[in-house]
Amino acid sequence: MSEIIEEISRVHRKVGTRRVATEEAGTVLLRRTFDADAAELWSAVTSPERIARWFLPVTGDFRAGGNYQLEGNAGGEILECVPAERLRVSWLFGPDPGFSEVEVRLAPEGTGRTVFELEHVSVVPEEFRSQYGPGAVGIGWDLALLGLGWHLTGGGISPEDAVEWQTSPEAKAFVARSGEEWGRAFAASGADPETVTATTVATIAFYTGE
């Protein structure tokens, strides 16, 4: 279990805001370095066959201006695609998703290492944001990066085993630590301490079912 929890410390997290047209959007940023060159990491995050192995099955027209759909999850338009450097997509889920975009950026760091950044910018209802805070999105991306890391090292688990793993003590410990780290990032952004505590507890409970 310690190795799984250790994955948490490999990620830098930042919470912020950004103006989107006339609205204020929340932002979460995850940054970590993988032991893989940019071409390999790019393949892992853009190849439909590989995405299905560490995240979810995906279908669509995989080109700038095309659309994609993750099974049982988000879909949208591929807004920008610069091979081995940058991918930006709209990230839409549900009947009235509002504004939501995800951008992945890659930058080589020495030989065989790449800095991976993922930024999710979204406008969410105030009642949801005040109840769960940025960890509602952040924990999900931490879990995704865990799967990506496993995939890049030749590990990983089947989709069936992944569903079972999510209810394991190991997974709940991972989620709890992730939620605490997002709480710290939220506090560092200037959020009220009481709000940080309340949203952190609510988000961890939502993910663990406890």
N, C-alpha and C. Protein backbone atom coordinates (compact mmCIF):
# COMPACT_ATOMS: atom_id res chain seq x y z
N MET A 1 0.82 -1.21 0.00
CA MET A 1 0.00 0.00 0.00
C MET A 1 0.86 1.26 0.00
N SER A 2 2.03 1.21 0.65
CA SER A 2 2.87 2.40 0.74
C SER A 2 3.28 2.90 -0.63
N GLU A 3 3.48 1.98 -1.59
CA GLU A 3 3.88 2.38 -2.93
C GLU A 3 2.76 3.14 -3.63
N ILE A 4 1.53 2.70 -3.42
CA ILE A 4 0.39 3.40 -4.01
C ILE A 4 0.25 4.80 -3.42
N ILE A 5 0.35 4.89 -2.11
CA ILE A 5 0.22 6.19 -1.44
C ILE A 5 1.36 7.11 -1.86
N GLU A 6 2.53 6.53 -2.10
CA GLU A 6 3.69 7.30 -2.51
C GLU A 6 3.44 8.03 -3.83
N GLU A 7 2.58 7.46 -4.67
CA GLU A 7 2.26 8.10 -5.94
C GLU A 7 1.69 9.50 -5.72
N ILE A 8 1.00 9.68 -4.61
CA ILE A 8 0.41 10.99 -4.30
C ILE A 8 1.49 12.07 -4.24
N SER A 9 2.63 11.73 -3.63
CA SER A 9 3.68 12.73 -3.42
C SER A 9 4.40 13.10 -4.71
N ARG A 10 4.20 12.34 -5.77
CA ARG A 10 4.86 12.63 -7.04
C ARG A 10 4.13 13.69 -7.86
N VAL A 11 2.97 14.10 -7.38
CA VAL A 11 2.15 15.06 -8.13
C VAL A 11 2.14 16.41 -7.42
N HIS A 12 2.39 17.48 -8.18
CA HIS A 12 2.21 18.84 -7.69
C HIS A 12 0.80 19.28 -8.07
N ARG A 13 0.09 19.89 -7.12
CA ARG A 13 -1.30 20.30 -7.33
C ARG A 13 -1.46 21.79 -7.10
N LYS A 14 -2.28 22.41 -7.92
CA LYS A 14 -2.56 23.84 -7.77
C LYS A 14 -4.02 24.11 -8.09
N VAL A 15 -4.63 24.95 -7.28
CA VAL A 15 -6.03 25.33 -7.46
C VAL A 15 -6.09 26.82 -7.75
N GLY A 16 -6.92 27.21 -8.70
CA GLY A 16 -7.04 28.63 -9.01
C GLY A 16 -8.37 28.96 -9.67
N THR A 17 -8.45 30.14 -10.25
CA THR A 17 -9.64 30.59 -10.97
C THR A 17 -9.20 31.26 -12.26
N ARG A 18 -10.14 31.38 -13.19
CA ARG A 18 -9.87 32.02 -14.47
C ARG A 18 -11.18 32.57 -15.02
N ARG A 19 -11.12 33.73 -15.64
CA ARG A 19 -12.31 34.29 -16.27
C ARG A 19 -12.55 33.59 -17.61
N VAL A 20 -13.76 33.14 -17.81
CA VAL A 20 -14.17 32.52 -19.07
C VAL A 20 -15.40 33.27 -19.55
N ALA A 21 -15.20 34.09 -20.57
CA ALA A 21 -16.26 34.99 -21.03
C ALA A 21 -16.70 35.86 -19.85
N THR A 22 -17.96 35.74 -19.42
CA THR A 22 -18.44 36.58 -18.31
C THR A 22 -18.49 35.82 -17.00
N GLU A 23 -17.97 34.60 -16.98
CA GLU A 23 -18.07 33.77 -15.78
C GLU A 23 -16.69 33.48 -15.20
N GLU A 24 -16.67 33.12 -13.93
CA GLU A 24 -15.43 32.72 -13.28
C GLU A 24 -15.37 31.20 -13.24
N ALA A 25 -14.31 30.65 -13.79
CA ALA A 25 -14.12 29.20 -13.82
C ALA A 25 -13.11 28.80 -12.75
N GLY A 26 -13.29 27.60 -12.22
CA GLY A 26 -12.30 27.04 -11.32
C GLY A 26 -11.27 26.24 -12.12
N THR A 27 -10.04 26.22 -11.63
CA THR A 27 -8.99 25.46 -12.30
C THR A 27 -8.30 24.52 -11.32
N VAL A 28 -7.98 23.33 -11.80
CA VAL A 28 -7.10 22.44 -11.05
C VAL A 28 -5.97 22.04 -11.99
N LEU A 29 -4.76 22.05 -11.46
CA LEU A 29 -3.57 21.71 -12.23
C LEU A 29 -2.83 20.59 -11.54
N LEU A 30 -2.47 19.55 -12.30
CA LEU A 30 -1.64 18.46 -11.80
C LEU A 30 -0.38 18.41 -12.64
N ARG A 31 0.77 18.27 -11.96
CA ARG A 31 2.03 18.19 -12.68
C ARG A 31 2.89 17.08 -12.05
N ARG A 32 3.41 16.20 -12.88
CA ARG A 32 4.35 15.20 -12.40
C ARG A 32 5.27 14.78 -13.54
N THR A 33 6.40 14.21 -13.19
CA THR A 33 7.37 13.75 -14.18
C THR A 33 7.28 12.24 -14.31
N PHE A 34 7.19 11.77 -15.54
CA PHE A 34 7.15 10.34 -15.82
C PHE A 34 8.48 9.90 -16.43
N ASP A 35 8.86 8.67 -16.14
CA ASP A 35 10.06 8.09 -16.75
C ASP A 35 9.70 7.53 -18.12
N ALA A 36 9.43 8.43 -19.03
CA ALA A 36 9.08 8.07 -20.41
C ALA A 36 9.37 9.28 -21.27
N ASP A 37 9.81 9.05 -22.52
CA ASP A 37 10.05 10.20 -23.38
C ASP A 37 8.71 10.76 -23.87
N ALA A 38 8.77 11.96 -24.44
CA ALA A 38 7.53 12.66 -24.82
C ALA A 38 6.72 11.89 -25.84
N ALA A 39 7.40 11.23 -26.79
CA ALA A 39 6.68 10.48 -27.82
C ALA A 39 5.91 9.32 -27.21
N GLU A 40 6.53 8.62 -26.26
CA GLU A 40 5.86 7.49 -25.60
C GLU A 40 4.68 7.97 -24.77
N LEU A 41 4.88 9.05 -24.03
CA LEU A 41 3.80 9.57 -23.19
C LEU A 41 2.65 10.11 -24.06
N TRP A 42 3.00 10.76 -25.15
CA TRP A 42 1.97 11.26 -26.08
C TRP A 42 1.13 10.10 -26.62
N SER A 43 1.79 9.02 -27.00
CA SER A 43 1.08 7.85 -27.50
C SER A 43 0.12 7.31 -26.44
N ALA A 44 0.57 7.28 -25.19
CA ALA A 44 -0.26 6.73 -24.12
C ALA A 44 -1.52 7.55 -23.88
N VAL A 45 -1.44 8.87 -24.10
CA VAL A 45 -2.60 9.72 -23.81
C VAL A 45 -3.44 10.07 -25.04
N THR A 46 -3.01 9.62 -26.23
CA THR A 46 -3.80 9.93 -27.44
C THR A 46 -4.20 8.70 -28.24
N SER A 47 -3.59 7.56 -28.01
CA SER A 47 -3.96 6.34 -28.73
C SER A 47 -5.22 5.75 -28.12
N PRO A 48 -6.29 5.61 -28.88
CA PRO A 48 -7.53 5.04 -28.32
C PRO A 48 -7.31 3.67 -27.68
N GLU A 49 -6.50 2.83 -28.32
CA GLU A 49 -6.25 1.50 -27.77
C GLU A 49 -5.55 1.58 -26.42
N ARG A 50 -4.61 2.50 -26.30
CA ARG A 50 -3.88 2.62 -25.04
C ARG A 50 -4.70 3.34 -23.96
N ILE A 51 -5.47 4.34 -24.34
CA ILE A 51 -6.32 5.02 -23.36
C ILE A 51 -7.27 4.03 -22.69
N ALA A 52 -7.78 3.09 -23.46
CA ALA A 52 -8.70 2.09 -22.92
C ALA A 52 -8.02 1.20 -21.89
N ARG A 53 -6.70 1.08 -21.95
CA ARG A 53 -5.98 0.20 -21.03
C ARG A 53 -5.69 0.85 -19.68
N TRP A 54 -5.66 2.19 -19.62
CA TRP A 54 -5.37 2.82 -18.33
C TRP A 54 -6.47 3.77 -17.85
N PHE A 55 -7.43 4.08 -18.75
CA PHE A 55 -8.48 5.02 -18.36
C PHE A 55 -9.85 4.44 -18.68
N LEU A 56 -10.37 4.72 -19.89
CA LEU A 56 -11.68 4.22 -20.30
C LEU A 56 -11.68 4.00 -21.81
N PRO A 57 -12.54 3.11 -22.30
CA PRO A 57 -12.70 2.99 -23.75
C PRO A 57 -13.16 4.32 -24.35
N VAL A 58 -12.64 4.64 -25.54
CA VAL A 58 -12.96 5.92 -26.16
C VAL A 58 -13.21 5.71 -27.65
N THR A 59 -14.18 6.43 -28.17
CA THR A 59 -14.49 6.39 -29.61
C THR A 59 -14.51 7.82 -30.13
N GLY A 60 -14.40 7.96 -31.47
CA GLY A 60 -14.52 9.29 -32.04
C GLY A 60 -13.71 9.49 -33.30
N ASP A 61 -13.59 10.74 -33.68
CA ASP A 61 -12.84 11.17 -34.86
C ASP A 61 -11.60 11.90 -34.33
N PHE A 62 -10.49 11.17 -34.23
CA PHE A 62 -9.33 11.64 -33.47
C PHE A 62 -8.43 12.55 -34.30
N ARG A 63 -8.85 13.80 -34.39
CA ARG A 63 -8.10 14.84 -35.09
C ARG A 63 -8.59 16.18 -34.56
N ALA A 64 -7.78 17.23 -34.79
CA ALA A 64 -8.23 18.56 -34.39
C ALA A 64 -9.53 18.90 -35.10
N GLY A 65 -10.53 19.30 -34.33
CA GLY A 65 -11.84 19.58 -34.88
C GLY A 65 -12.79 18.39 -34.81
N GLY A 66 -12.24 17.21 -34.52
CA GLY A 66 -13.06 16.01 -34.37
C GLY A 66 -13.66 15.92 -32.98
N ASN A 67 -14.45 14.88 -32.77
CA ASN A 67 -15.09 14.66 -31.48
C ASN A 67 -14.64 13.34 -30.88
N TYR A 68 -14.82 13.22 -29.57
CA TYR A 68 -14.49 11.98 -28.87
C TYR A 68 -15.56 11.72 -27.82
N GLN A 69 -15.66 10.46 -27.38
CA GLN A 69 -16.58 10.10 -26.31
C GLN A 69 -15.96 8.99 -25.47
N LEU A 70 -15.75 9.26 -24.19
CA LEU A 70 -15.29 8.24 -23.26
C LEU A 70 -16.49 7.46 -22.75
N GLU A 71 -16.35 6.15 -22.69
CA GLU A 71 -17.47 5.29 -22.29
C GLU A 71 -17.93 5.62 -20.88
N GLY A 72 -19.21 6.03 -20.76
CA GLY A 72 -19.78 6.32 -19.46
C GLY A 72 -19.24 7.57 -18.80
N ASN A 73 -18.57 8.43 -19.57
CA ASN A 73 -17.93 9.59 -18.96
C ASN A 73 -18.05 10.77 -19.92
N ALA A 74 -17.04 11.62 -19.94
CA ALA A 74 -17.09 12.86 -20.71
C ALA A 74 -16.88 12.63 -22.20
N GLY A 75 -17.28 13.61 -22.96
CA GLY A 75 -17.03 13.66 -24.40
C GLY A 75 -16.88 15.10 -24.80
N GLY A 76 -16.60 15.34 -26.07
CA GLY A 76 -16.47 16.72 -26.51
C GLY A 76 -15.71 16.83 -27.81
N GLU A 77 -15.16 18.02 -28.03
CA GLU A 77 -14.43 18.33 -29.26
C GLU A 77 -12.93 18.39 -28.99
N ILE A 78 -12.15 17.92 -29.95
CA ILE A 78 -10.69 18.06 -29.87
C ILE A 78 -10.36 19.45 -30.40
N LEU A 79 -10.01 20.36 -29.50
CA LEU A 79 -9.86 21.77 -29.83
C LEU A 79 -8.47 22.10 -30.36
N GLU A 80 -7.46 21.43 -29.85
CA GLU A 80 -6.08 21.72 -30.23
C GLU A 80 -5.25 20.46 -30.07
N CYS A 81 -4.37 20.23 -31.03
CA CYS A 81 -3.55 19.01 -30.98
C CYS A 81 -2.19 19.31 -31.61
N VAL A 82 -1.15 19.38 -30.77
CA VAL A 82 0.22 19.57 -31.22
C VAL A 82 1.00 18.34 -30.79
N PRO A 83 1.28 17.41 -31.69
CA PRO A 83 1.88 16.13 -31.31
C PRO A 83 3.08 16.26 -30.39
N ALA A 84 3.03 15.44 -29.34
CA ALA A 84 4.09 15.35 -28.32
C ALA A 84 4.28 16.62 -27.52
N GLU A 85 3.31 17.56 -27.63
CA GLU A 85 3.42 18.82 -26.88
C GLU A 85 2.14 19.19 -26.14
N ARG A 86 1.01 19.25 -26.85
CA ARG A 86 -0.19 19.81 -26.23
C ARG A 86 -1.44 19.22 -26.85
N LEU A 87 -2.41 18.92 -25.97
CA LEU A 87 -3.73 18.45 -26.39
C LEU A 87 -4.76 19.19 -25.55
N ARG A 88 -5.73 19.82 -26.22
CA ARG A 88 -6.80 20.54 -25.51
C ARG A 88 -8.15 20.08 -26.04
N VAL A 89 -9.04 19.71 -25.13
CA VAL A 89 -10.36 19.21 -25.52
C VAL A 89 -11.43 19.84 -24.64
N SER A 90 -12.64 19.94 -25.18
CA SER A 90 -13.77 20.26 -24.32
C SER A 90 -14.12 18.98 -23.57
N TRP A 91 -14.60 19.15 -22.33
CA TRP A 91 -14.81 18.00 -21.44
C TRP A 91 -16.23 18.10 -20.90
N LEU A 92 -17.18 17.50 -21.62
CA LEU A 92 -18.60 17.73 -21.35
C LEU A 92 -19.27 16.45 -20.88
N PHE A 93 -20.08 16.59 -19.83
CA PHE A 93 -20.77 15.42 -19.27
C PHE A 93 -22.12 15.86 -18.73
N GLY A 94 -23.16 15.09 -19.05
CA GLY A 94 -24.49 15.41 -18.56
C GLY A 94 -25.26 16.30 -19.51
N PRO A 95 -26.54 16.55 -19.19
CA PRO A 95 -27.42 17.28 -20.11
C PRO A 95 -27.11 18.77 -20.22
N ASP A 96 -26.53 19.38 -19.20
CA ASP A 96 -26.24 20.82 -19.23
C ASP A 96 -24.86 21.05 -18.60
N PRO A 97 -23.79 20.66 -19.30
CA PRO A 97 -22.46 20.64 -18.68
C PRO A 97 -21.82 21.99 -18.46
N GLY A 98 -22.24 23.02 -19.18
CA GLY A 98 -21.57 24.30 -19.05
C GLY A 98 -20.17 24.27 -19.66
N PHE A 99 -19.33 25.24 -19.28
CA PHE A 99 -17.98 25.31 -19.83
C PHE A 99 -17.04 24.37 -19.08
N SER A 100 -16.30 23.55 -19.83
CA SER A 100 -15.33 22.64 -19.21
C SER A 100 -14.32 22.22 -20.28
N GLU A 101 -13.04 22.48 -20.01
CA GLU A 101 -11.97 22.10 -20.92
C GLU A 101 -10.83 21.45 -20.15
N VAL A 102 -10.18 20.51 -20.81
CA VAL A 102 -8.99 19.86 -20.25
C VAL A 102 -7.84 20.06 -21.23
N GLU A 103 -6.69 20.45 -20.71
CA GLU A 103 -5.49 20.60 -21.54
C GLU A 103 -4.36 19.78 -20.94
N VAL A 104 -3.71 18.99 -21.77
CA VAL A 104 -2.53 18.22 -21.38
C VAL A 104 -1.32 18.82 -22.07
N ARG A 105 -0.26 19.07 -21.30
CA ARG A 105 0.97 19.64 -21.85
C ARG A 105 2.15 18.74 -21.48
N LEU A 106 3.03 18.51 -22.44
CA LEU A 106 4.21 17.67 -22.22
C LEU A 106 5.47 18.49 -22.49
N ALA A 107 6.50 18.27 -21.66
CA ALA A 107 7.78 18.96 -21.85
C ALA A 107 8.90 18.01 -21.47
N PRO A 108 9.85 17.73 -22.38
CA PRO A 108 10.97 16.84 -22.06
C PRO A 108 11.78 17.37 -20.88
N GLU A 109 12.26 16.44 -20.06
CA GLU A 109 13.10 16.80 -18.92
C GLU A 109 14.27 15.80 -18.88
N GLY A 110 15.34 16.14 -19.55
CA GLY A 110 16.47 15.22 -19.61
C GLY A 110 16.18 14.06 -20.55
N THR A 111 16.96 13.01 -20.41
CA THR A 111 16.83 11.84 -21.28
C THR A 111 15.80 10.87 -20.74
N GLY A 112 14.80 10.58 -21.56
CA GLY A 112 13.81 9.58 -21.18
C GLY A 112 12.88 9.99 -20.06
N ARG A 113 12.73 11.29 -19.82
CA ARG A 113 11.80 11.77 -18.80
C ARG A 113 10.99 12.93 -19.37
N THR A 114 9.73 13.02 -18.95
CA THR A 114 8.84 14.04 -19.48
C THR A 114 7.98 14.61 -18.37
N VAL A 115 7.90 15.94 -18.32
CA VAL A 115 6.99 16.60 -17.39
C VAL A 115 5.60 16.61 -18.01
N PHE A 116 4.65 16.10 -17.27
CA PHE A 116 3.25 15.99 -17.70
C PHE A 116 2.43 16.99 -16.88
N GLU A 117 1.69 17.85 -17.56
CA GLU A 117 0.78 18.76 -16.89
C GLU A 117 -0.63 18.55 -17.42
N LEU A 118 -1.59 18.51 -16.51
CA LEU A 118 -3.00 18.43 -16.88
C LEU A 118 -3.73 19.55 -16.16
N GLU A 119 -4.42 20.39 -16.91
CA GLU A 119 -5.20 21.47 -16.33
C GLU A 119 -6.66 21.33 -16.75
N HIS A 120 -7.53 21.34 -15.76
CA HIS A 120 -8.97 21.24 -16.00
C HIS A 120 -9.60 22.56 -15.57
N VAL A 121 -10.24 23.23 -16.54
CA VAL A 121 -10.89 24.52 -16.30
C VAL A 121 -12.39 24.33 -16.49
N SER A 122 -13.18 24.68 -15.48
CA SER A 122 -14.61 24.43 -15.59
C SER A 122 -15.42 25.45 -14.79
N VAL A 123 -16.62 25.70 -15.29
CA VAL A 123 -17.60 26.50 -14.57
C VAL A 123 -18.63 25.53 -14.01
N VAL A 124 -18.75 25.49 -12.68
CA VAL A 124 -19.67 24.55 -12.05
C VAL A 124 -20.66 25.32 -11.17
N PRO A 125 -21.84 24.75 -10.93
CA PRO A 125 -22.82 25.43 -10.07
C PRO A 125 -22.22 25.73 -8.70
N GLU A 126 -22.55 26.90 -8.15
CA GLU A 126 -21.99 27.32 -6.87
C GLU A 126 -22.31 26.33 -5.76
N GLU A 127 -23.52 25.75 -5.78
CA GLU A 127 -23.87 24.82 -4.71
C GLU A 127 -23.00 23.57 -4.72
N PHE A 128 -22.58 23.14 -5.92
CA PHE A 128 -21.69 21.98 -6.02
C PHE A 128 -20.28 22.35 -5.57
N ARG A 129 -19.79 23.50 -6.03
CA ARG A 129 -18.44 23.93 -5.67
C ARG A 129 -18.31 24.16 -4.17
N SER A 130 -19.34 24.76 -3.56
CA SER A 130 -19.26 25.04 -2.13
C SER A 130 -19.37 23.78 -1.29
N GLN A 131 -20.00 22.73 -1.84
CA GLN A 131 -20.13 21.48 -1.10
C GLN A 131 -18.90 20.59 -1.22
N TYR A 132 -18.31 20.53 -2.43
CA TYR A 132 -17.22 19.58 -2.66
C TYR A 132 -15.87 20.21 -2.96
N GLY A 133 -15.84 21.43 -3.46
CA GLY A 133 -14.57 22.07 -3.73
C GLY A 133 -13.82 21.43 -4.90
N PRO A 134 -12.57 21.83 -5.11
CA PRO A 134 -11.79 21.35 -6.26
C PRO A 134 -11.42 19.87 -6.18
N GLY A 135 -11.46 19.29 -5.01
CA GLY A 135 -11.12 17.88 -4.88
C GLY A 135 -12.05 16.96 -5.63
N ALA A 136 -13.27 17.43 -5.90
CA ALA A 136 -14.23 16.60 -6.65
C ALA A 136 -13.68 16.25 -8.02
N VAL A 137 -12.98 17.20 -8.62
CA VAL A 137 -12.32 16.95 -9.91
C VAL A 137 -10.93 16.38 -9.69
N GLY A 138 -10.22 16.95 -8.72
CA GLY A 138 -8.82 16.58 -8.50
C GLY A 138 -8.60 15.12 -8.15
N ILE A 139 -9.44 14.55 -7.30
CA ILE A 139 -9.26 13.14 -6.93
C ILE A 139 -9.42 12.25 -8.15
N GLY A 140 -10.40 12.58 -8.98
CA GLY A 140 -10.59 11.78 -10.19
C GLY A 140 -9.37 11.79 -11.08
N TRP A 141 -8.73 12.96 -11.22
CA TRP A 141 -7.53 13.04 -12.04
C TRP A 141 -6.34 12.36 -11.37
N ASP A 142 -6.27 12.40 -10.05
CA ASP A 142 -5.21 11.65 -9.36
C ASP A 142 -5.34 10.16 -9.66
N LEU A 143 -6.56 9.65 -9.64
CA LEU A 143 -6.78 8.24 -9.95
C LEU A 143 -6.39 7.94 -11.40
N ALA A 144 -6.69 8.87 -12.31
CA ALA A 144 -6.32 8.68 -13.71
C ALA A 144 -4.80 8.64 -13.87
N LEU A 145 -4.09 9.54 -13.20
CA LEU A 145 -2.64 9.56 -13.30
C LEU A 145 -2.02 8.32 -12.67
N LEU A 146 -2.65 7.78 -11.64
CA LEU A 146 -2.18 6.52 -11.07
C LEU A 146 -2.25 5.43 -12.13
N GLY A 147 -3.38 5.35 -12.84
CA GLY A 147 -3.53 4.36 -13.89
C GLY A 147 -2.54 4.58 -15.03
N LEU A 148 -2.30 5.84 -15.39
CA LEU A 148 -1.33 6.14 -16.45
C LEU A 148 0.07 5.70 -16.03
N GLY A 149 0.43 5.97 -14.79
CA GLY A 149 1.74 5.56 -14.30
C GLY A 149 1.92 4.05 -14.33
N TRP A 150 0.89 3.33 -13.92
CA TRP A 150 0.94 1.86 -13.99
C TRP A 150 1.12 1.40 -15.42
N HIS A 151 0.39 2.02 -16.32
CA HIS A 151 0.44 1.64 -17.73
C HIS A 151 1.84 1.85 -18.31
N LEU A 152 2.45 2.98 -18.00
CA LEU A 152 3.76 3.30 -18.56
C LEU A 152 4.86 2.37 -18.05
N THR A 153 4.65 1.78 -16.89
CA THR A 153 5.66 0.86 -16.35
C THR A 153 5.33 -0.60 -16.66
N GLY A 154 4.33 -0.80 -17.51
CA GLY A 154 3.99 -2.16 -17.90
C GLY A 154 3.07 -2.87 -16.93
N GLY A 155 2.56 -2.13 -15.96
CA GLY A 155 1.65 -2.74 -14.99
C GLY A 155 0.21 -2.47 -15.34
N GLY A 156 -0.58 -2.21 -14.34
CA GLY A 156 -1.99 -1.93 -14.56
C GLY A 156 -2.85 -3.14 -14.26
N ILE A 157 -4.15 -2.90 -14.25
CA ILE A 157 -5.11 -3.96 -13.97
C ILE A 157 -6.23 -3.88 -15.00
N SER A 158 -6.96 -4.96 -15.14
CA SER A 158 -8.05 -5.01 -16.10
C SER A 158 -9.19 -4.11 -15.65
N PRO A 159 -10.07 -3.68 -16.58
CA PRO A 159 -11.22 -2.85 -16.20
C PRO A 159 -12.07 -3.52 -15.13
N GLU A 160 -12.22 -4.82 -15.22
CA GLU A 160 -13.03 -5.55 -14.22
C GLU A 160 -12.38 -5.47 -12.85
N ASP A 161 -11.06 -5.69 -12.82
CA ASP A 161 -10.33 -5.64 -11.54
C ASP A 161 -10.30 -4.21 -11.00
N ALA A 162 -10.28 -3.23 -11.90
CA ALA A 162 -10.26 -1.83 -11.48
C ALA A 162 -11.53 -1.48 -10.72
N VAL A 163 -12.67 -1.98 -11.18
CA VAL A 163 -13.94 -1.72 -10.49
C VAL A 163 -13.89 -2.30 -9.08
N GLU A 164 -13.36 -3.50 -8.94
CA GLU A 164 -13.25 -4.14 -7.62
C GLU A 164 -12.24 -3.39 -6.75
N TRP A 165 -11.13 -2.95 -7.36
CA TRP A 165 -10.10 -2.26 -6.60
C TRP A 165 -10.61 -0.97 -5.98
N GLN A 166 -11.53 -0.30 -6.65
CA GLN A 166 -12.02 0.99 -6.17
C GLN A 166 -12.69 0.91 -4.81
N THR A 167 -13.12 -0.27 -4.39
CA THR A 167 -13.75 -0.42 -3.08
C THR A 167 -12.80 -1.03 -2.06
N SER A 168 -11.55 -1.24 -2.45
CA SER A 168 -10.58 -1.87 -1.55
C SER A 168 -10.04 -0.86 -0.53
N PRO A 169 -9.50 -1.35 0.60
CA PRO A 169 -8.88 -0.45 1.58
C PRO A 169 -7.74 0.37 0.96
N GLU A 170 -7.00 -0.23 0.03
CA GLU A 170 -5.90 0.47 -0.63
C GLU A 170 -6.42 1.67 -1.42
N ALA A 171 -7.48 1.46 -2.18
CA ALA A 171 -8.06 2.55 -2.97
C ALA A 171 -8.62 3.64 -2.07
N LYS A 172 -9.27 3.26 -0.99
CA LYS A 172 -9.84 4.26 -0.08
C LYS A 172 -8.75 5.07 0.60
N ALA A 173 -7.63 4.42 0.91
CA ALA A 173 -6.50 5.15 1.49
C ALA A 173 -5.92 6.13 0.49
N PHE A 174 -5.84 5.71 -0.77
CA PHE A 174 -5.34 6.58 -1.83
C PHE A 174 -6.24 7.80 -1.97
N VAL A 175 -7.54 7.57 -2.03
CA VAL A 175 -8.51 8.65 -2.19
C VAL A 175 -8.44 9.62 -1.01
N ALA A 176 -8.33 9.07 0.20
CA ALA A 176 -8.27 9.93 1.38
C ALA A 176 -7.03 10.84 1.34
N ARG A 177 -5.88 10.27 0.98
CA ARG A 177 -4.66 11.07 0.90
C ARG A 177 -4.76 12.10 -0.22
N SER A 178 -5.31 11.68 -1.35
CA SER A 178 -5.51 12.62 -2.46
C SER A 178 -6.41 13.77 -2.04
N GLY A 179 -7.51 13.45 -1.38
CA GLY A 179 -8.43 14.49 -0.93
C GLY A 179 -7.77 15.47 0.03
N GLU A 180 -6.93 14.95 0.92
CA GLU A 180 -6.22 15.82 1.86
C GLU A 180 -5.26 16.75 1.11
N GLU A 181 -4.58 16.22 0.10
CA GLU A 181 -3.64 17.06 -0.66
C GLU A 181 -4.38 18.13 -1.46
N TRP A 182 -5.56 17.79 -1.99
CA TRP A 182 -6.33 18.81 -2.69
C TRP A 182 -6.87 19.85 -1.70
N GLY A 183 -7.13 19.41 -0.49
CA GLY A 183 -7.52 20.38 0.54
C GLY A 183 -6.39 21.36 0.82
N ARG A 184 -5.16 20.87 0.87
CA ARG A 184 -4.01 21.76 1.08
C ARG A 184 -3.85 22.74 -0.09
N ALA A 185 -4.04 22.22 -1.31
CA ALA A 185 -3.93 23.09 -2.48
C ALA A 185 -5.04 24.15 -2.47
N PHE A 186 -6.23 23.76 -2.04
CA PHE A 186 -7.35 24.69 -1.94
C PHE A 186 -7.04 25.77 -0.91
N ALA A 187 -6.49 25.38 0.23
CA ALA A 187 -6.12 26.34 1.26
C ALA A 187 -5.05 27.30 0.75
N ALA A 188 -4.08 26.76 -0.01
CA ALA A 188 -3.01 27.60 -0.55
C ALA A 188 -3.53 28.62 -1.55
N SER A 189 -4.70 28.35 -2.13
CA SER A 189 -5.29 29.30 -3.09
C SER A 189 -5.98 30.46 -2.38
N GLY A 190 -6.08 30.38 -1.03
CA GLY A 190 -6.70 31.44 -0.26
C GLY A 190 -8.09 31.12 0.24
N ALA A 191 -8.52 29.88 0.10
CA ALA A 191 -9.87 29.50 0.54
C ALA A 191 -9.98 29.56 2.06
N ASP A 192 -11.19 29.83 2.53
CA ASP A 192 -11.48 29.88 3.96
C ASP A 192 -11.23 28.52 4.60
N PRO A 193 -10.53 28.46 5.75
CA PRO A 193 -10.19 27.18 6.38
C PRO A 193 -11.41 26.29 6.66
N GLU A 194 -12.52 26.88 7.10
CA GLU A 194 -13.70 26.08 7.37
C GLU A 194 -14.26 25.46 6.09
N THR A 195 -14.23 26.22 5.01
CA THR A 195 -14.68 25.70 3.72
C THR A 195 -13.78 24.58 3.25
N VAL A 196 -12.48 24.75 3.42
CA VAL A 196 -11.51 23.71 3.03
C VAL A 196 -11.80 22.42 3.78
N THR A 197 -11.98 22.51 5.08
CA THR A 197 -12.23 21.31 5.89
C THR A 197 -13.53 20.63 5.48
N ALA A 198 -14.59 21.40 5.34
CA ALA A 198 -15.91 20.83 5.02
C ALA A 198 -15.91 20.17 3.64
N THR A 199 -15.33 20.84 2.65
CA THR A 199 -15.33 20.28 1.30
C THR A 199 -14.42 19.06 1.18
N THR A 200 -13.32 19.08 1.91
CA THR A 200 -12.41 17.92 1.88
C THR A 200 -13.09 16.69 2.45
N VAL A 201 -13.74 16.84 3.59
CA VAL A 201 -14.45 15.72 4.20
C VAL A 201 -15.56 15.21 3.29
N ALA A 202 -16.34 16.12 2.70
CA ALA A 202 -17.46 15.72 1.85
C ALA A 202 -16.98 15.01 0.60
N THR A 203 -15.88 15.48 0.01
CA THR A 203 -15.39 14.87 -1.23
C THR A 203 -14.81 13.49 -0.98
N ILE A 204 -14.05 13.33 0.08
CA ILE A 204 -13.51 12.00 0.40
C ILE A 204 -14.66 11.03 0.67
N ALA A 205 -15.66 11.46 1.39
CA ALA A 205 -16.81 10.60 1.68
C ALA A 205 -17.54 10.23 0.40
N PHE A 206 -17.65 11.18 -0.53
CA PHE A 206 -18.32 10.90 -1.80
C PHE A 206 -17.59 9.80 -2.57
N TYR A 207 -16.27 9.87 -2.63
CA TYR A 207 -15.50 8.89 -3.39
C TYR A 207 -15.41 7.53 -2.69
N THR A 208 -15.34 7.53 -1.37
CA THR A 208 -15.19 6.26 -0.65
C THR A 208 -16.51 5.63 -0.27
N GLY A 209 -17.60 6.43 -0.33
CA GLY A 209 -18.90 5.90 0.06
C GLY A 209 -19.04 5.75 1.56
N GLU A 210 -18.23 6.47 2.31
CA GLU A 210 -18.27 6.35 3.78
C GLU A 210 -18.64 7.68 4.43
